[in-house]
């Protein structure tokens, strides 16, 4: 059986487990076959963001990509897939670390939504003050 390279990515509240298998570029996201990433993400920016690591190292179309992604919206999922692909590529070839690190693909974005506090309308938004 061919080698399978795995990477986990997280962004906001999304988690993506990415499996790269040498192949001819098949894409499978959450057990559904897609002809390209744009079919799943439905937005060119999110699509480009998600596959950026593969394009940068010039390995686009050389792997069959299996992705399990849960949580969040499409934007967070695209970020999670991006980190997952970068980490899987690192498992495939550790020599790519310099290129991936330079382009910021191996950095986990730590920003999360701030929780809502009691007595406030949102995390920081207080109710409107009324003098009378």
C-alpha atoms as a PDB file:
ATOM      1  CA  UNK A   1       0.000   0.000   0.000  1.00  0.00           C
ATOM      2  CA  UNK A   2       1.220   3.520  -0.816  1.00  0.00           C
ATOM      3  CA  UNK A   3       2.396   5.852   1.907  1.00  0.00           C
ATOM      4  CA  UNK A   4      -0.173   8.182   3.421  1.00  0.00           C
ATOM      5  CA  UNK A   5       0.936  11.480   4.943  1.00  0.00           C
ATOM      6  CA  UNK A   6      -1.265  13.029   7.636  1.00  0.00           C
ATOM      7  CA  UNK A   7      -1.533  16.548   9.028  1.00  0.00           C
ATOM      8  CA  UNK A   8      -3.939  18.205  11.444  1.00  0.00           C
ATOM      9  CA  UNK A   9      -4.929  21.845  11.094  1.00  0.00           C
ATOM     10  CA  UNK A  10      -6.998  24.122  13.298  1.00  0.00           C
ATOM     11  CA  UNK A  11      -8.361  27.636  12.805  1.00  0.00           C
ATOM     12  CA  UNK A  12     -11.022  29.448  14.866  1.00  0.00           C
ATOM     13  CA  UNK A  13     -13.371  26.570  15.806  1.00  0.00           C
ATOM     14  CA  UNK A  14     -12.576  24.373  12.774  1.00  0.00           C
ATOM     15  CA  UNK A  15     -10.471  21.230  12.775  1.00  0.00           C
ATOM     16  CA  UNK A  16      -9.219  19.513   9.626  1.00  0.00           C
ATOM     17  CA  UNK A  17      -7.502  16.144   9.331  1.00  0.00           C
ATOM     18  CA  UNK A  18      -5.718  16.007   5.993  1.00  0.00           C
ATOM     19  CA  UNK A  19      -4.399  12.824   4.373  1.00  0.00           C
ATOM     20  CA  UNK A  20      -2.144  13.058   1.317  1.00  0.00           C
ATOM     21  CA  UNK A  21      -1.654   9.938  -0.779  1.00  0.00           C
ATOM     22  CA  UNK A  22       0.510   9.886  -3.924  1.00  0.00           C
ATOM     23  CA  UNK A  23      -1.940   9.896  -6.815  1.00  0.00           C
ATOM     24  CA  UNK A  24      -3.364  12.072  -9.550  1.00  0.00           C
ATOM     25  CA  UNK A  25      -5.134  14.886  -7.680  1.00  0.00           C
ATOM     26  CA  UNK A  26      -8.469  13.419  -6.518  1.00  0.00           C
ATOM     27  CA  UNK A  27     -10.166  15.498  -3.828  1.00  0.00           C
ATOM     28  CA  UNK A  28     -12.398  13.980  -1.169  1.00  0.00           C
ATOM     29  CA  UNK A  29     -13.821  16.189   1.584  1.00  0.00           C
ATOM     30  CA  UNK A  30     -16.019  14.652   4.306  1.00  0.00           C
ATOM     31  CA  UNK A  31     -16.534  11.476   2.225  1.00  0.00           C
ATOM     32  CA  UNK A  32     -17.770  13.384  -0.845  1.00  0.00           C
ATOM     33  CA  UNK A  33     -15.759  13.400  -4.079  1.00  0.00           C
ATOM     34  CA  UNK A  34     -15.151  16.870  -5.598  1.00  0.00           C
ATOM     35  CA  UNK A  35     -13.579  17.768  -8.935  1.00  0.00           C
ATOM     36  CA  UNK A  36     -11.798  20.756  -7.359  1.00  0.00           C
ATOM     37  CA  UNK A  37     -11.577  22.621  -4.042  1.00  0.00           C
ATOM     38  CA  UNK A  38     -13.726  25.478  -5.352  1.00  0.00           C
ATOM     39  CA  UNK A  39     -16.706  23.122  -5.528  1.00  0.00           C
ATOM     40  CA  UNK A  40     -16.571  22.699  -1.731  1.00  0.00           C
ATOM     41  CA  UNK A  41     -15.456  26.169  -0.582  1.00  0.00           C
ATOM     42  CA  UNK A  42     -17.628  28.021  -3.172  1.00  0.00           C
ATOM     43  CA  UNK A  43     -15.343  31.064  -2.932  1.00  0.00           C
ATOM     44  CA  UNK A  44     -12.196  31.631  -4.959  1.00  0.00           C
ATOM     45  CA  UNK A  45     -10.353  33.344  -2.084  1.00  0.00           C
ATOM     46  CA  UNK A  46     -11.000  30.484   0.366  1.00  0.00           C
ATOM     47  CA  UNK A  47     -10.026  27.949  -2.293  1.00  0.00           C
ATOM     48  CA  UNK A  48      -6.742  29.699  -3.074  1.00  0.00           C
ATOM     49  CA  UNK A  49      -6.047  30.069   0.659  1.00  0.00           C
ATOM     50  CA  UNK A  50      -6.613  26.349   1.297  1.00  0.00           C
ATOM     51  CA  UNK A  51      -4.398  24.988  -1.514  1.00  0.00           C
ATOM     52  CA  UNK A  52      -1.624  27.594  -1.216  1.00  0.00           C
ATOM     53  CA  UNK A  53       0.924  25.200   0.395  1.00  0.00           C
ATOM     54  CA  UNK A  54       0.571  22.674  -2.458  1.00  0.00           C
ATOM     55  CA  UNK A  55       0.955  25.410  -5.089  1.00  0.00           C
ATOM     56  CA  UNK A  56       3.970  26.966  -3.365  1.00  0.00           C
ATOM     57  CA  UNK A  57       5.980  23.720  -3.267  1.00  0.00           C
ATOM     58  CA  UNK A  58       4.787  22.775  -6.770  1.00  0.00           C
ATOM     59  CA  UNK A  59       3.093  19.499  -5.825  1.00  0.00           C
ATOM     60  CA  UNK A  60      -0.454  20.391  -6.883  1.00  0.00           C
ATOM     61  CA  UNK A  61      -2.055  17.439  -8.667  1.00  0.00           C
ATOM     62  CA  UNK A  62       0.515  14.880  -7.464  1.00  0.00           C
ATOM     63  CA  UNK A  63      -1.465  13.816  -4.382  1.00  0.00           C
ATOM     64  CA  UNK A  64      -4.933  12.435  -3.763  1.00  0.00           C
ATOM     65  CA  UNK A  65      -6.280  14.596  -0.930  1.00  0.00           C
ATOM     66  CA  UNK A  66      -8.655  13.209   1.713  1.00  0.00           C
ATOM     67  CA  UNK A  67      -9.938  15.788   4.188  1.00  0.00           C
ATOM     68  CA  UNK A  68     -12.172  15.483   7.240  1.00  0.00           C
ATOM     69  CA  UNK A  69     -13.151  18.947   8.380  1.00  0.00           C
ATOM     70  CA  UNK A  70     -15.601  19.848  11.156  1.00  0.00           C
ATOM     71  CA  UNK A  71     -16.731  22.990  12.952  1.00  0.00           C
ATOM     72  CA  UNK A  72     -16.811  26.668  12.113  1.00  0.00           C
ATOM     73  CA  UNK A  73     -17.602  28.243   8.772  1.00  0.00           C
ATOM     74  CA  UNK A  74     -15.964  27.924   5.393  1.00  0.00           C
ATOM     75  CA  UNK A  75     -13.370  30.624   6.151  1.00  0.00           C
ATOM     76  CA  UNK A  76     -12.129  28.865   9.292  1.00  0.00           C
ATOM     77  CA  UNK A  77     -12.260  25.513   7.507  1.00  0.00           C
ATOM     78  CA  UNK A  78     -10.110  26.862   4.673  1.00  0.00           C
ATOM     79  CA  UNK A  79      -7.512  28.017   7.207  1.00  0.00           C
ATOM     80  CA  UNK A  80      -7.608  24.650   8.973  1.00  0.00           C
ATOM     81  CA  UNK A  81      -7.199  22.775   5.672  1.00  0.00           C
ATOM     82  CA  UNK A  82      -4.256  25.013   4.760  1.00  0.00           C
ATOM     83  CA  UNK A  83      -2.411  24.216   8.002  1.00  0.00           C
ATOM     84  CA  UNK A  84      -3.293  20.519   7.683  1.00  0.00           C
ATOM     85  CA  UNK A  85      -1.933  20.334   4.128  1.00  0.00           C
ATOM     86  CA  UNK A  86       1.265  22.121   5.178  1.00  0.00           C
ATOM     87  CA  UNK A  87       1.828  19.694   8.070  1.00  0.00           C
ATOM     88  CA  UNK A  88       1.110  16.694   5.848  1.00  0.00           C
ATOM     89  CA  UNK A  89       3.649  17.985   3.298  1.00  0.00           C
ATOM     90  CA  UNK A  90       6.153  18.264   6.142  1.00  0.00           C
ATOM     91  CA  UNK A  91       5.583  14.561   6.908  1.00  0.00           C
ATOM     92  CA  UNK A  92       6.060  13.792   3.213  1.00  0.00           C
ATOM     93  CA  UNK A  93       9.340  15.692   2.905  1.00  0.00           C
ATOM     94  CA  UNK A  94      11.005  17.404   5.937  1.00  0.00           C
ATOM     95  CA  UNK A  95      13.221  19.379   3.503  1.00  0.00           C
ATOM     96  CA  UNK A  96      10.159  21.529   2.640  1.00  0.00           C
ATOM     97  CA  UNK A  97      10.132  23.005   6.156  1.00  0.00           C
ATOM     98  CA  UNK A  98      12.115  26.117   5.159  1.00  0.00           C
ATOM     99  CA  UNK A  99       9.802  26.969   2.266  1.00  0.00           C
ATOM    100  CA  UNK A 100       6.637  26.298   4.273  1.00  0.00           C
ATOM    101  CA  UNK A 101       7.909  28.274   7.284  1.00  0.00           C
ATOM    102  CA  UNK A 102       8.995  31.260   5.129  1.00  0.00           C
ATOM    103  CA  UNK A 103       5.517  31.550   3.645  1.00  0.00           C
ATOM    104  CA  UNK A 104       3.824  31.223   7.063  1.00  0.00           C
ATOM    105  CA  UNK A 105       2.037  27.944   6.341  1.00  0.00           C
ATOM    106  CA  UNK A 106       3.196  26.226   9.545  1.00  0.00           C
ATOM    107  CA  UNK A 107       2.008  28.976  11.905  1.00  0.00           C
ATOM    108  CA  UNK A 108      -1.207  28.236  13.796  1.00  0.00           C
ATOM    109  CA  UNK A 109      -3.422  31.349  13.900  1.00  0.00           C
ATOM    110  CA  UNK A 110      -4.344  31.597  17.617  1.00  0.00           C
ATOM    111  CA  UNK A 111      -7.175  34.115  17.257  1.00  0.00           C
ATOM    112  CA  UNK A 112     -10.474  32.907  18.678  1.00  0.00           C
ATOM    113  CA  UNK A 113     -13.837  34.587  19.262  1.00  0.00           C
ATOM    114  CA  UNK A 114     -13.987  36.280  22.663  1.00  0.00           C
ATOM    115  CA  UNK A 115     -16.729  34.950  24.901  1.00  0.00           C
ATOM    116  CA  UNK A 116     -19.823  36.993  25.712  1.00  0.00           C
ATOM    117  CA  UNK A 117     -19.918  38.431  29.247  1.00  0.00           C
ATOM    118  CA  UNK A 118     -23.056  38.696  31.385  1.00  0.00           C
ATOM    119  CA  UNK A 119     -24.687  42.134  31.469  1.00  0.00           C
ATOM    120  CA  UNK A 120     -23.354  42.920  27.984  1.00  0.00           C
ATOM    121  CA  UNK A 121     -24.915  42.496  24.553  1.00  0.00           C
ATOM    122  CA  UNK A 122     -21.744  40.970  23.041  1.00  0.00           C
ATOM    123  CA  UNK A 123     -18.217  40.341  24.328  1.00  0.00           C
ATOM    124  CA  UNK A 124     -17.584  44.044  24.948  1.00  0.00           C
ATOM    125  CA  UNK A 125     -20.679  45.887  23.699  1.00  0.00           C
ATOM    126  CA  UNK A 126     -22.616  47.349  26.635  1.00  0.00           C
ATOM    127  CA  UNK A 127     -26.337  48.142  26.478  1.00  0.00           C
ATOM    128  CA  UNK A 128     -27.117  51.711  25.387  1.00  0.00           C
ATOM    129  CA  UNK A 129     -27.075  54.144  28.309  1.00  0.00           C
ATOM    130  CA  UNK A 130     -30.259  56.144  28.890  1.00  0.00           C
ATOM    131  CA  UNK A 131     -30.147  59.158  31.159  1.00  0.00           C
ATOM    132  CA  UNK A 132     -33.966  59.363  31.451  1.00  0.00           C
END
